[in-house]
Amino acid sequence: MQDRPSTDIGDEPPASPADALAIIEREQARRTPDFAPYFLSWGVAWLLIGLAWFTDRAGLGPAVDASAITGITIGIAIVLSAVIGIRMGRGVQGTSSRFGAMYGVGWMVAMIGTGAIAAAFAPAVTPSGANPFPVLFVFVVGVLYMATGAFVHSAVDYWTGLTVQAVAVVTAFTPDPWNSLVMGLGGGGALIVAGLVHRRAR
C-alpha cells in the first residue's frame, strides 16, 4: 500500500475553524517577504547621514567628513538592499517575479531621474544657500512609498510615505543646520518605526 504524502499541516484536518484560520495565517506569514530589514537598514542610514551633516555644519564635536559618511552609508545600504532583494526573490516566479523586477526598475529610474534633475538645476544654487536637492530626493522617496502602500494595500507603507513627504516639506522650511537633523530624525525615524511594525506583524 502506497503511503500518503505528508503535508505541512499534518494528516489530520483542523480541529476547529480557529485552528484552520491559524494555519492559513501561518502559511501567509511564511510566504510574505520580510520587509523589516529593508526599512531598518535605510532608516539607520538616513539617521546617520542626518546626524553627520548636522554635526559638521553645527560645529559640534570633532570634525567629520559628512560627504564621505554619506557616500559610505548609502553604499552599504544599497548593498544590503540588493542582498535583501535577492533573498526575497528566491523561489518566486511568474507574476510576482515580474512585479518585483518592474518595481525595482521603477525605483531605480525615479532615483536616477531625480539625480539628473538635481544636476540640471545645481548651477542655480548659490554657495551660501541651502541645498534643496536632498529634500527633493526624500520627497520622491515618500511618494514612492505611499504609492506602493496604496497598490499593495499596506497601511504601514502608505503612512510611512505620507510621513516621509511631510518630513521633506518641514525640512525645506527649516534653517541650516537644523534641517539635516530634522531629515535624519524624522525620515530615518519613520523608516525605523515602519521596519519594527513590519517585524512585529510577522
N, C-alpha and C. Protein backbone atom coordinates (compact mmCIF):
# COMPACT_ATOMS: atom_id res chain seq x y z
N MET A 1 0.84 -1.19 0.00
CA MET A 1 0.00 0.00 0.00
C MET A 1 0.88 1.25 0.00
N GLN A 2 0.55 2.20 -0.86
CA GLN A 2 1.38 3.39 -1.01
C GLN A 2 1.06 4.39 0.10
N ASP A 3 2.11 4.96 0.72
CA ASP A 3 1.91 5.94 1.78
C ASP A 3 1.42 7.25 1.19
N ARG A 4 0.58 7.94 1.94
CA ARG A 4 0.12 9.25 1.51
C ARG A 4 1.22 10.28 1.73
N PRO A 5 1.36 11.24 0.82
CA PRO A 5 2.39 12.26 1.01
C PRO A 5 2.07 13.10 2.23
N SER A 6 3.13 13.42 2.97
CA SER A 6 2.94 14.26 4.15
C SER A 6 2.79 15.71 3.76
N THR A 7 2.10 16.48 4.58
CA THR A 7 1.91 17.91 4.35
C THR A 7 2.34 18.67 5.57
N ASP A 8 2.45 20.03 5.39
CA ASP A 8 2.87 20.87 6.50
C ASP A 8 1.84 20.91 7.61
N ILE A 9 0.57 20.69 7.30
CA ILE A 9 -0.47 20.81 8.30
C ILE A 9 -0.83 19.47 8.91
N GLY A 10 -0.12 18.39 8.49
CA GLY A 10 -0.36 17.08 9.07
C GLY A 10 -1.48 16.35 8.34
N ASP A 11 -1.68 15.11 8.73
CA ASP A 11 -2.68 14.29 8.07
C ASP A 11 -4.08 14.54 8.62
N GLU A 12 -4.16 15.04 9.85
CA GLU A 12 -5.46 15.25 10.47
C GLU A 12 -6.00 16.63 10.07
N PRO A 13 -7.31 16.74 9.81
CA PRO A 13 -7.89 18.04 9.49
C PRO A 13 -7.90 18.95 10.71
N PRO A 14 -8.00 20.27 10.51
CA PRO A 14 -8.05 21.18 11.65
C PRO A 14 -9.20 20.84 12.57
N ALA A 15 -8.96 20.97 13.88
CA ALA A 15 -9.97 20.60 14.85
C ALA A 15 -11.11 21.61 14.91
N SER A 16 -10.85 22.86 14.51
CA SER A 16 -11.87 23.89 14.58
C SER A 16 -11.59 24.96 13.53
N PRO A 17 -12.59 25.81 13.23
CA PRO A 17 -12.34 26.92 12.30
C PRO A 17 -11.20 27.82 12.76
N ALA A 18 -11.05 28.02 14.08
CA ALA A 18 -9.96 28.85 14.59
C ALA A 18 -8.60 28.24 14.26
N ASP A 19 -8.50 26.90 14.37
CA ASP A 19 -7.25 26.23 14.01
C ASP A 19 -6.96 26.38 12.53
N ALA A 20 -8.00 26.26 11.71
CA ALA A 20 -7.83 26.41 10.26
C ALA A 20 -7.35 27.82 9.92
N LEU A 21 -7.94 28.83 10.58
CA LEU A 21 -7.51 30.22 10.34
C LEU A 21 -6.07 30.44 10.78
N ALA A 22 -5.68 29.84 11.91
CA ALA A 22 -4.30 29.97 12.38
C ALA A 22 -3.32 29.35 11.38
N ILE A 23 -3.69 28.23 10.80
CA ILE A 23 -2.84 27.57 9.81
C ILE A 23 -2.68 28.46 8.58
N ILE A 24 -3.80 29.05 8.12
CA ILE A 24 -3.75 29.92 6.95
C ILE A 24 -2.87 31.13 7.21
N GLU A 25 -3.04 31.77 8.37
CA GLU A 25 -2.24 32.95 8.70
C GLU A 25 -0.76 32.60 8.81
N ARG A 26 -0.45 31.41 9.36
CA ARG A 26 0.94 30.99 9.48
C ARG A 26 1.56 30.78 8.11
N GLU A 27 0.80 30.19 7.19
CA GLU A 27 1.32 29.97 5.84
C GLU A 27 1.52 31.28 5.10
N GLN A 28 0.58 32.22 5.28
CA GLN A 28 0.72 33.52 4.62
C GLN A 28 1.92 34.27 5.15
N ALA A 29 2.13 34.22 6.46
CA ALA A 29 3.29 34.90 7.04
C ALA A 29 4.59 34.32 6.54
N ARG A 30 4.60 32.98 6.32
CA ARG A 30 5.83 32.33 5.86
C ARG A 30 6.14 32.71 4.41
N ARG A 31 5.10 32.95 3.60
CA ARG A 31 5.30 33.25 2.19
C ARG A 31 5.45 34.74 1.92
N THR A 32 5.04 35.60 2.86
CA THR A 32 5.15 37.04 2.67
C THR A 32 6.58 37.49 2.92
N PRO A 33 7.16 38.25 1.99
CA PRO A 33 8.54 38.71 2.18
C PRO A 33 8.66 39.56 3.44
N ASP A 34 9.81 39.46 4.09
CA ASP A 34 10.08 40.23 5.30
C ASP A 34 10.74 41.54 4.89
N PHE A 35 9.96 42.63 4.91
CA PHE A 35 10.47 43.93 4.51
C PHE A 35 11.15 44.68 5.65
N ALA A 36 11.10 44.14 6.86
CA ALA A 36 11.66 44.83 8.01
C ALA A 36 13.14 45.18 7.84
N PRO A 37 14.01 44.25 7.38
CA PRO A 37 15.43 44.61 7.23
C PRO A 37 15.65 45.76 6.26
N TYR A 38 14.84 45.82 5.22
CA TYR A 38 14.98 46.90 4.24
C TYR A 38 14.69 48.26 4.89
N PHE A 39 13.56 48.37 5.59
CA PHE A 39 13.21 49.62 6.24
C PHE A 39 14.22 49.99 7.32
N LEU A 40 14.64 48.99 8.09
CA LEU A 40 15.57 49.27 9.19
C LEU A 40 16.93 49.74 8.68
N SER A 41 17.43 49.10 7.61
CA SER A 41 18.75 49.48 7.09
C SER A 41 18.74 50.91 6.56
N TRP A 42 17.70 51.27 5.80
CA TRP A 42 17.65 52.62 5.26
C TRP A 42 17.30 53.64 6.35
N GLY A 43 16.52 53.24 7.34
CA GLY A 43 16.23 54.14 8.45
C GLY A 43 17.49 54.51 9.21
N VAL A 44 18.31 53.52 9.50
CA VAL A 44 19.59 53.78 10.18
C VAL A 44 20.50 54.63 9.30
N ALA A 45 20.50 54.37 7.98
CA ALA A 45 21.33 55.14 7.06
C ALA A 45 20.92 56.61 7.07
N TRP A 46 19.62 56.88 6.95
CA TRP A 46 19.15 58.26 6.98
C TRP A 46 19.51 58.94 8.30
N LEU A 47 19.37 58.21 9.38
CA LEU A 47 19.66 58.77 10.70
C LEU A 47 21.13 59.15 10.81
N LEU A 48 22.01 58.26 10.38
CA LEU A 48 23.45 58.54 10.45
C LEU A 48 23.83 59.71 9.56
N ILE A 49 23.26 59.75 8.37
CA ILE A 49 23.58 60.84 7.43
C ILE A 49 23.12 62.18 7.99
N GLY A 50 21.88 62.22 8.51
CA GLY A 50 21.38 63.47 9.08
C GLY A 50 22.22 63.95 10.25
N LEU A 51 22.60 63.03 11.12
CA LEU A 51 23.42 63.40 12.28
C LEU A 51 24.81 63.85 11.84
N ALA A 52 25.36 63.21 10.81
CA ALA A 52 26.69 63.59 10.33
C ALA A 52 26.70 65.02 9.79
N TRP A 53 25.69 65.35 8.95
CA TRP A 53 25.64 66.70 8.39
C TRP A 53 25.33 67.75 9.46
N PHE A 54 24.47 67.40 10.41
CA PHE A 54 24.17 68.34 11.48
C PHE A 54 25.41 68.61 12.33
N THR A 55 26.12 67.55 12.68
CA THR A 55 27.34 67.71 13.49
C THR A 55 28.38 68.53 12.75
N ASP A 56 28.52 68.30 11.44
CA ASP A 56 29.51 69.00 10.64
C ASP A 56 29.17 70.49 10.52
N ARG A 57 27.91 70.79 10.21
CA ARG A 57 27.53 72.19 9.98
C ARG A 57 27.37 72.98 11.27
N ALA A 58 27.00 72.29 12.35
CA ALA A 58 26.83 72.99 13.62
C ALA A 58 28.14 73.14 14.37
N GLY A 59 29.18 72.46 13.91
CA GLY A 59 30.48 72.54 14.57
C GLY A 59 30.50 71.86 15.92
N LEU A 60 29.72 70.81 16.07
CA LEU A 60 29.67 70.09 17.34
C LEU A 60 30.64 68.92 17.33
N GLY A 61 31.41 68.78 18.37
CA GLY A 61 32.31 67.64 18.47
C GLY A 61 33.45 67.73 17.47
N PRO A 62 34.14 66.61 17.26
CA PRO A 62 35.25 66.59 16.31
C PRO A 62 34.76 66.74 14.88
N ALA A 63 35.63 67.29 14.03
CA ALA A 63 35.26 67.49 12.63
C ALA A 63 35.03 66.14 11.94
N VAL A 64 33.96 66.07 11.17
CA VAL A 64 33.64 64.85 10.43
C VAL A 64 33.47 65.20 8.96
N ASP A 65 33.79 64.25 8.10
CA ASP A 65 33.60 64.42 6.67
C ASP A 65 32.21 63.89 6.33
N ALA A 66 31.22 64.78 6.36
CA ALA A 66 29.84 64.36 6.15
C ALA A 66 29.63 63.76 4.77
N SER A 67 30.34 64.29 3.77
CA SER A 67 30.19 63.76 2.41
C SER A 67 30.67 62.31 2.33
N ALA A 68 31.82 62.04 2.97
CA ALA A 68 32.34 60.67 2.95
C ALA A 68 31.42 59.73 3.71
N ILE A 69 30.92 60.18 4.86
CA ILE A 69 30.00 59.35 5.64
C ILE A 69 28.74 59.06 4.84
N THR A 70 28.23 60.07 4.13
CA THR A 70 27.03 59.88 3.30
C THR A 70 27.27 58.85 2.22
N GLY A 71 28.40 58.97 1.52
CA GLY A 71 28.69 58.03 0.44
C GLY A 71 28.85 56.60 0.94
N ILE A 72 29.59 56.44 2.03
CA ILE A 72 29.81 55.10 2.59
C ILE A 72 28.50 54.50 3.09
N THR A 73 27.71 55.31 3.80
CA THR A 73 26.45 54.83 4.36
C THR A 73 25.48 54.41 3.27
N ILE A 74 25.35 55.25 2.24
CA ILE A 74 24.44 54.91 1.14
C ILE A 74 24.93 53.67 0.41
N GLY A 75 26.25 53.56 0.23
CA GLY A 75 26.79 52.37 -0.43
C GLY A 75 26.46 51.09 0.33
N ILE A 76 26.63 51.13 1.65
CA ILE A 76 26.31 49.96 2.48
C ILE A 76 24.82 49.64 2.40
N ALA A 77 23.97 50.68 2.46
CA ALA A 77 22.53 50.47 2.40
C ALA A 77 22.10 49.88 1.06
N ILE A 78 22.74 50.31 -0.02
CA ILE A 78 22.42 49.77 -1.34
C ILE A 78 22.79 48.29 -1.42
N VAL A 79 23.97 47.95 -0.92
CA VAL A 79 24.39 46.55 -0.93
C VAL A 79 23.43 45.69 -0.11
N LEU A 80 23.07 46.18 1.09
CA LEU A 80 22.13 45.44 1.92
C LEU A 80 20.79 45.28 1.22
N SER A 81 20.33 46.34 0.54
CA SER A 81 19.06 46.27 -0.17
C SER A 81 19.11 45.23 -1.28
N ALA A 82 20.25 45.18 -1.99
CA ALA A 82 20.40 44.20 -3.06
C ALA A 82 20.36 42.78 -2.51
N VAL A 83 21.07 42.56 -1.40
CA VAL A 83 21.08 41.23 -0.78
C VAL A 83 19.67 40.85 -0.31
N ILE A 84 18.98 41.80 0.32
CA ILE A 84 17.61 41.54 0.78
C ILE A 84 16.70 41.23 -0.39
N GLY A 85 16.83 42.00 -1.48
CA GLY A 85 16.00 41.77 -2.66
C GLY A 85 16.26 40.41 -3.29
N ILE A 86 17.52 39.99 -3.34
CA ILE A 86 17.85 38.69 -3.91
C ILE A 86 17.26 37.57 -3.06
N ARG A 87 17.35 37.71 -1.74
CA ARG A 87 16.79 36.70 -0.85
C ARG A 87 15.27 36.63 -0.97
N MET A 88 14.63 37.79 -1.15
CA MET A 88 13.18 37.80 -1.32
C MET A 88 12.76 37.13 -2.62
N GLY A 89 13.60 37.27 -3.65
CA GLY A 89 13.23 36.75 -4.96
C GLY A 89 13.50 35.28 -5.16
N ARG A 90 14.16 34.63 -4.20
CA ARG A 90 14.44 33.21 -4.35
C ARG A 90 13.15 32.39 -4.34
N GLY A 91 13.01 31.58 -5.38
CA GLY A 91 11.85 30.71 -5.47
C GLY A 91 10.59 31.39 -5.94
N VAL A 92 10.67 32.69 -6.26
CA VAL A 92 9.50 33.41 -6.73
C VAL A 92 9.52 33.47 -8.24
N GLN A 93 8.43 33.05 -8.87
CA GLN A 93 8.34 33.05 -10.32
C GLN A 93 7.00 33.63 -10.74
N GLY A 94 6.87 33.82 -12.05
CA GLY A 94 5.60 34.26 -12.60
C GLY A 94 5.33 35.73 -12.35
N THR A 95 4.05 36.04 -12.04
CA THR A 95 3.61 37.42 -11.88
C THR A 95 4.36 38.14 -10.77
N SER A 96 4.56 37.47 -9.65
CA SER A 96 5.26 38.10 -8.52
C SER A 96 6.68 38.47 -8.89
N SER A 97 7.35 37.60 -9.64
CA SER A 97 8.72 37.87 -10.05
C SER A 97 8.77 39.07 -10.99
N ARG A 98 7.83 39.13 -11.94
CA ARG A 98 7.79 40.26 -12.88
C ARG A 98 7.49 41.56 -12.15
N PHE A 99 6.55 41.49 -11.20
CA PHE A 99 6.22 42.70 -10.45
C PHE A 99 7.43 43.19 -9.65
N GLY A 100 8.16 42.26 -9.03
CA GLY A 100 9.33 42.64 -8.27
C GLY A 100 10.39 43.32 -9.14
N ALA A 101 10.59 42.75 -10.34
CA ALA A 101 11.56 43.34 -11.26
C ALA A 101 11.13 44.73 -11.71
N MET A 102 9.85 44.88 -12.08
CA MET A 102 9.33 46.17 -12.52
C MET A 102 9.39 47.20 -11.39
N TYR A 103 9.11 46.75 -10.17
CA TYR A 103 9.15 47.64 -9.02
C TYR A 103 10.57 48.15 -8.78
N GLY A 104 11.54 47.24 -8.86
CA GLY A 104 12.93 47.63 -8.67
C GLY A 104 13.40 48.60 -9.73
N VAL A 105 13.03 48.34 -10.98
CA VAL A 105 13.41 49.24 -12.08
C VAL A 105 12.76 50.61 -11.89
N GLY A 106 11.50 50.61 -11.42
CA GLY A 106 10.81 51.88 -11.19
C GLY A 106 11.53 52.75 -10.17
N TRP A 107 11.98 52.14 -9.08
CA TRP A 107 12.73 52.89 -8.07
C TRP A 107 14.04 53.41 -8.65
N MET A 108 14.73 52.58 -9.42
CA MET A 108 16.00 52.98 -10.00
C MET A 108 15.82 54.17 -10.94
N VAL A 109 14.80 54.09 -11.80
CA VAL A 109 14.55 55.17 -12.75
C VAL A 109 14.19 56.46 -12.01
N ALA A 110 13.37 56.34 -10.96
CA ALA A 110 12.97 57.51 -10.20
C ALA A 110 14.17 58.19 -9.55
N MET A 111 15.07 57.39 -8.98
CA MET A 111 16.24 57.96 -8.31
C MET A 111 17.22 58.57 -9.32
N ILE A 112 17.43 57.88 -10.44
CA ILE A 112 18.33 58.41 -11.46
C ILE A 112 17.75 59.70 -12.05
N GLY A 113 16.45 59.68 -12.32
CA GLY A 113 15.80 60.87 -12.86
C GLY A 113 15.86 62.05 -11.90
N THR A 114 15.65 61.80 -10.62
CA THR A 114 15.74 62.86 -9.63
C THR A 114 17.17 63.41 -9.56
N GLY A 115 18.15 62.52 -9.63
CA GLY A 115 19.54 62.96 -9.65
C GLY A 115 19.86 63.81 -10.87
N ALA A 116 19.30 63.44 -12.02
CA ALA A 116 19.53 64.22 -13.25
C ALA A 116 18.92 65.61 -13.13
N ILE A 117 17.71 65.68 -12.57
CA ILE A 117 17.07 66.98 -12.38
C ILE A 117 17.89 67.85 -11.42
N ALA A 118 18.37 67.22 -10.34
CA ALA A 118 19.19 67.96 -9.38
C ALA A 118 20.46 68.49 -10.05
N ALA A 119 21.08 67.66 -10.88
CA ALA A 119 22.30 68.10 -11.57
C ALA A 119 22.01 69.25 -12.53
N ALA A 120 20.84 69.21 -13.18
CA ALA A 120 20.49 70.27 -14.14
C ALA A 120 20.30 71.62 -13.45
N PHE A 121 19.76 71.59 -12.24
CA PHE A 121 19.50 72.84 -11.53
C PHE A 121 20.62 73.22 -10.56
N ALA A 122 21.64 72.38 -10.44
CA ALA A 122 22.73 72.66 -9.50
C ALA A 122 23.40 74.01 -9.72
N PRO A 123 23.66 74.44 -10.98
CA PRO A 123 24.32 75.74 -11.17
C PRO A 123 23.52 76.92 -10.62
N ALA A 124 22.21 76.75 -10.46
CA ALA A 124 21.38 77.86 -9.98
C ALA A 124 21.44 78.01 -8.46
N VAL A 125 22.03 77.02 -7.76
CA VAL A 125 22.12 77.07 -6.30
C VAL A 125 23.33 77.89 -5.91
N THR A 126 23.13 78.93 -5.12
CA THR A 126 24.25 79.77 -4.69
C THR A 126 25.03 79.08 -3.58
N PRO A 127 26.31 79.34 -3.48
CA PRO A 127 27.12 78.68 -2.44
C PRO A 127 26.61 78.95 -1.02
N SER A 128 26.04 80.13 -0.81
CA SER A 128 25.58 80.48 0.53
C SER A 128 24.17 79.95 0.83
N GLY A 129 23.48 79.47 -0.17
CA GLY A 129 22.11 79.00 0.03
C GLY A 129 22.08 77.54 0.46
N ALA A 130 20.92 77.14 1.01
CA ALA A 130 20.75 75.76 1.42
C ALA A 130 20.58 74.87 0.20
N ASN A 131 21.08 73.66 0.29
CA ASN A 131 20.98 72.71 -0.82
C ASN A 131 19.59 72.07 -0.80
N PRO A 132 18.76 72.32 -1.83
CA PRO A 132 17.39 71.79 -1.81
C PRO A 132 17.29 70.36 -2.31
N PHE A 133 18.37 69.81 -2.85
CA PHE A 133 18.27 68.53 -3.55
C PHE A 133 18.05 67.33 -2.62
N PRO A 134 18.67 67.27 -1.43
CA PRO A 134 18.33 66.16 -0.53
C PRO A 134 16.84 66.11 -0.20
N VAL A 135 16.23 67.29 -0.04
CA VAL A 135 14.80 67.34 0.23
C VAL A 135 14.01 66.77 -0.95
N LEU A 136 14.46 67.08 -2.15
CA LEU A 136 13.79 66.57 -3.35
C LEU A 136 13.84 65.05 -3.38
N PHE A 137 14.99 64.47 -3.09
CA PHE A 137 15.12 63.01 -3.06
C PHE A 137 14.19 62.41 -2.00
N VAL A 138 14.18 63.00 -0.82
CA VAL A 138 13.35 62.48 0.27
C VAL A 138 11.87 62.55 -0.11
N PHE A 139 11.45 63.63 -0.73
CA PHE A 139 10.04 63.76 -1.12
C PHE A 139 9.66 62.70 -2.15
N VAL A 140 10.53 62.46 -3.13
CA VAL A 140 10.25 61.45 -4.15
C VAL A 140 10.16 60.06 -3.51
N VAL A 141 11.05 59.78 -2.57
CA VAL A 141 11.00 58.50 -1.86
C VAL A 141 9.67 58.36 -1.12
N GLY A 142 9.21 59.45 -0.49
CA GLY A 142 7.93 59.41 0.19
C GLY A 142 6.78 59.12 -0.75
N VAL A 143 6.80 59.72 -1.92
CA VAL A 143 5.76 59.46 -2.92
C VAL A 143 5.77 57.99 -3.34
N LEU A 144 6.95 57.43 -3.54
CA LEU A 144 7.05 56.03 -3.95
C LEU A 144 6.55 55.09 -2.86
N TYR A 145 6.88 55.39 -1.62
CA TYR A 145 6.39 54.56 -0.51
C TYR A 145 4.86 54.62 -0.43
N MET A 146 4.30 55.82 -0.56
CA MET A 146 2.86 55.98 -0.48
C MET A 146 2.17 55.24 -1.61
N ALA A 147 2.71 55.37 -2.83
CA ALA A 147 2.12 54.67 -3.97
C ALA A 147 2.22 53.16 -3.79
N THR A 148 3.33 52.69 -3.26
CA THR A 148 3.49 51.26 -3.00
C THR A 148 2.46 50.77 -1.99
N GLY A 149 2.30 51.53 -0.91
CA GLY A 149 1.33 51.14 0.10
C GLY A 149 -0.08 51.07 -0.45
N ALA A 150 -0.44 52.05 -1.30
CA ALA A 150 -1.78 52.05 -1.89
C ALA A 150 -1.96 50.86 -2.83
N PHE A 151 -0.92 50.51 -3.56
CA PHE A 151 -1.04 49.43 -4.56
C PHE A 151 -1.10 48.06 -3.92
N VAL A 152 -0.29 47.83 -2.89
CA VAL A 152 -0.24 46.51 -2.26
C VAL A 152 -1.11 46.45 -1.01
N HIS A 153 -1.89 47.51 -0.76
CA HIS A 153 -2.80 47.54 0.38
C HIS A 153 -2.05 47.41 1.72
N SER A 154 -0.94 48.15 1.83
CA SER A 154 -0.16 48.14 3.05
C SER A 154 -0.30 49.50 3.74
N ALA A 155 -1.03 49.52 4.86
CA ALA A 155 -1.21 50.77 5.59
C ALA A 155 0.12 51.28 6.13
N VAL A 156 1.01 50.36 6.50
CA VAL A 156 2.32 50.77 7.05
C VAL A 156 3.11 51.54 6.00
N ASP A 157 3.21 50.99 4.79
CA ASP A 157 3.96 51.66 3.73
C ASP A 157 3.31 52.98 3.34
N TYR A 158 1.96 52.98 3.29
CA TYR A 158 1.24 54.19 2.89
C TYR A 158 1.49 55.33 3.87
N TRP A 159 1.34 55.07 5.16
CA TRP A 159 1.53 56.13 6.14
C TRP A 159 3.01 56.48 6.31
N THR A 160 3.89 55.53 6.05
CA THR A 160 5.31 55.86 6.05
C THR A 160 5.62 56.85 4.94
N GLY A 161 5.04 56.62 3.76
CA GLY A 161 5.23 57.54 2.64
C GLY A 161 4.72 58.93 2.94
N LEU A 162 3.53 59.02 3.53
CA LEU A 162 2.99 60.33 3.90
C LEU A 162 3.88 61.02 4.92
N THR A 163 4.37 60.27 5.89
CA THR A 163 5.23 60.85 6.92
C THR A 163 6.53 61.37 6.32
N VAL A 164 7.12 60.59 5.43
CA VAL A 164 8.38 61.00 4.80
C VAL A 164 8.18 62.25 3.96
N GLN A 165 7.05 62.33 3.25
CA GLN A 165 6.76 63.55 2.48
C GLN A 165 6.62 64.76 3.41
N ALA A 166 5.93 64.57 4.53
CA ALA A 166 5.79 65.66 5.49
C ALA A 166 7.14 66.10 6.04
N VAL A 167 8.01 65.13 6.32
CA VAL A 167 9.35 65.44 6.80
C VAL A 167 10.11 66.26 5.77
N ALA A 168 9.96 65.91 4.48
CA ALA A 168 10.64 66.65 3.41
C ALA A 168 10.17 68.09 3.36
N VAL A 169 8.86 68.30 3.48
CA VAL A 169 8.31 69.65 3.44
C VAL A 169 8.79 70.47 4.63
N VAL A 170 8.74 69.88 5.82
CA VAL A 170 9.20 70.58 7.02
C VAL A 170 10.69 70.90 6.91
N THR A 171 11.46 69.95 6.40
CA THR A 171 12.91 70.17 6.24
C THR A 171 13.20 71.34 5.31
N ALA A 172 12.38 71.47 4.26
CA ALA A 172 12.61 72.54 3.30
C ALA A 172 12.45 73.92 3.93
N PHE A 173 11.65 74.03 4.98
CA PHE A 173 11.43 75.32 5.63
C PHE A 173 12.22 75.47 6.93
N THR A 174 13.10 74.50 7.22
CA THR A 174 13.90 74.54 8.43
C THR A 174 15.29 75.09 8.10
N PRO A 175 15.78 76.07 8.86
CA PRO A 175 17.10 76.65 8.56
C PRO A 175 18.23 75.67 8.83
N ASP A 176 19.33 75.93 8.15
CA ASP A 176 20.55 75.15 8.32
C ASP A 176 21.18 75.51 9.68
N PRO A 177 21.73 74.57 10.44
CA PRO A 177 21.95 73.14 10.16
C PRO A 177 20.84 72.23 10.69
N TRP A 178 19.78 72.86 11.23
CA TRP A 178 18.73 72.05 11.85
C TRP A 178 17.95 71.23 10.83
N ASN A 179 18.00 71.64 9.56
CA ASN A 179 17.29 70.87 8.53
C ASN A 179 17.85 69.45 8.40
N SER A 180 19.16 69.31 8.56
CA SER A 180 19.76 67.97 8.49
C SER A 180 19.28 67.10 9.65
N LEU A 181 19.15 67.71 10.82
CA LEU A 181 18.68 66.96 11.98
C LEU A 181 17.22 66.53 11.81
N VAL A 182 16.41 67.44 11.27
CA VAL A 182 15.00 67.11 11.04
C VAL A 182 14.87 65.96 10.03
N MET A 183 15.67 66.04 8.96
CA MET A 183 15.60 64.99 7.95
C MET A 183 16.09 63.65 8.51
N GLY A 184 17.17 63.69 9.28
CA GLY A 184 17.71 62.44 9.81
C GLY A 184 16.80 61.80 10.84
N LEU A 185 16.36 62.60 11.81
CA LEU A 185 15.50 62.07 12.86
C LEU A 185 14.10 61.74 12.34
N GLY A 186 13.55 62.65 11.52
CA GLY A 186 12.19 62.44 11.03
C GLY A 186 12.10 61.34 9.99
N GLY A 187 12.91 61.46 8.93
CA GLY A 187 12.87 60.45 7.86
C GLY A 187 13.41 59.11 8.32
N GLY A 188 14.58 59.13 8.96
CA GLY A 188 15.15 57.87 9.44
C GLY A 188 14.29 57.23 10.51
N GLY A 189 13.75 58.08 11.41
CA GLY A 189 12.88 57.54 12.45
C GLY A 189 11.63 56.90 11.88
N ALA A 190 11.04 57.51 10.85
CA ALA A 190 9.84 56.94 10.23
C ALA A 190 10.12 55.57 9.63
N LEU A 191 11.26 55.44 8.96
CA LEU A 191 11.60 54.15 8.35
C LEU A 191 11.90 53.09 9.40
N ILE A 192 12.56 53.48 10.48
CA ILE A 192 12.85 52.53 11.55
C ILE A 192 11.55 52.04 12.19
N VAL A 193 10.63 52.96 12.45
CA VAL A 193 9.33 52.56 13.01
C VAL A 193 8.61 51.62 12.06
N ALA A 194 8.64 51.93 10.75
CA ALA A 194 7.99 51.06 9.77
C ALA A 194 8.60 49.67 9.78
N GLY A 195 9.93 49.60 9.90
CA GLY A 195 10.59 48.31 9.94
C GLY A 195 10.19 47.51 11.17
N LEU A 196 10.10 48.19 12.31
CA LEU A 196 9.70 47.49 13.54
C LEU A 196 8.25 47.01 13.46
N VAL A 197 7.38 47.81 12.84
CA VAL A 197 5.98 47.39 12.68
C VAL A 197 5.89 46.18 11.76
N HIS A 198 6.65 46.20 10.66
CA HIS A 198 6.67 45.06 9.75
C HIS A 198 7.18 43.81 10.48
N ARG A 199 8.20 43.96 11.29
CA ARG A 199 8.76 42.81 12.00
C ARG A 199 7.75 42.26 13.04
N ARG A 200 7.07 43.17 13.72
CA ARG A 200 6.11 42.73 14.73
C ARG A 200 4.91 42.04 14.09
N ALA A 201 4.57 42.44 12.87
CA ALA A 201 3.40 41.86 12.20
C ALA A 201 3.64 40.44 11.71
N ARG A 202 4.89 39.99 11.67
CA ARG A 202 5.19 38.65 11.15
C ARG A 202 4.97 37.60 12.25
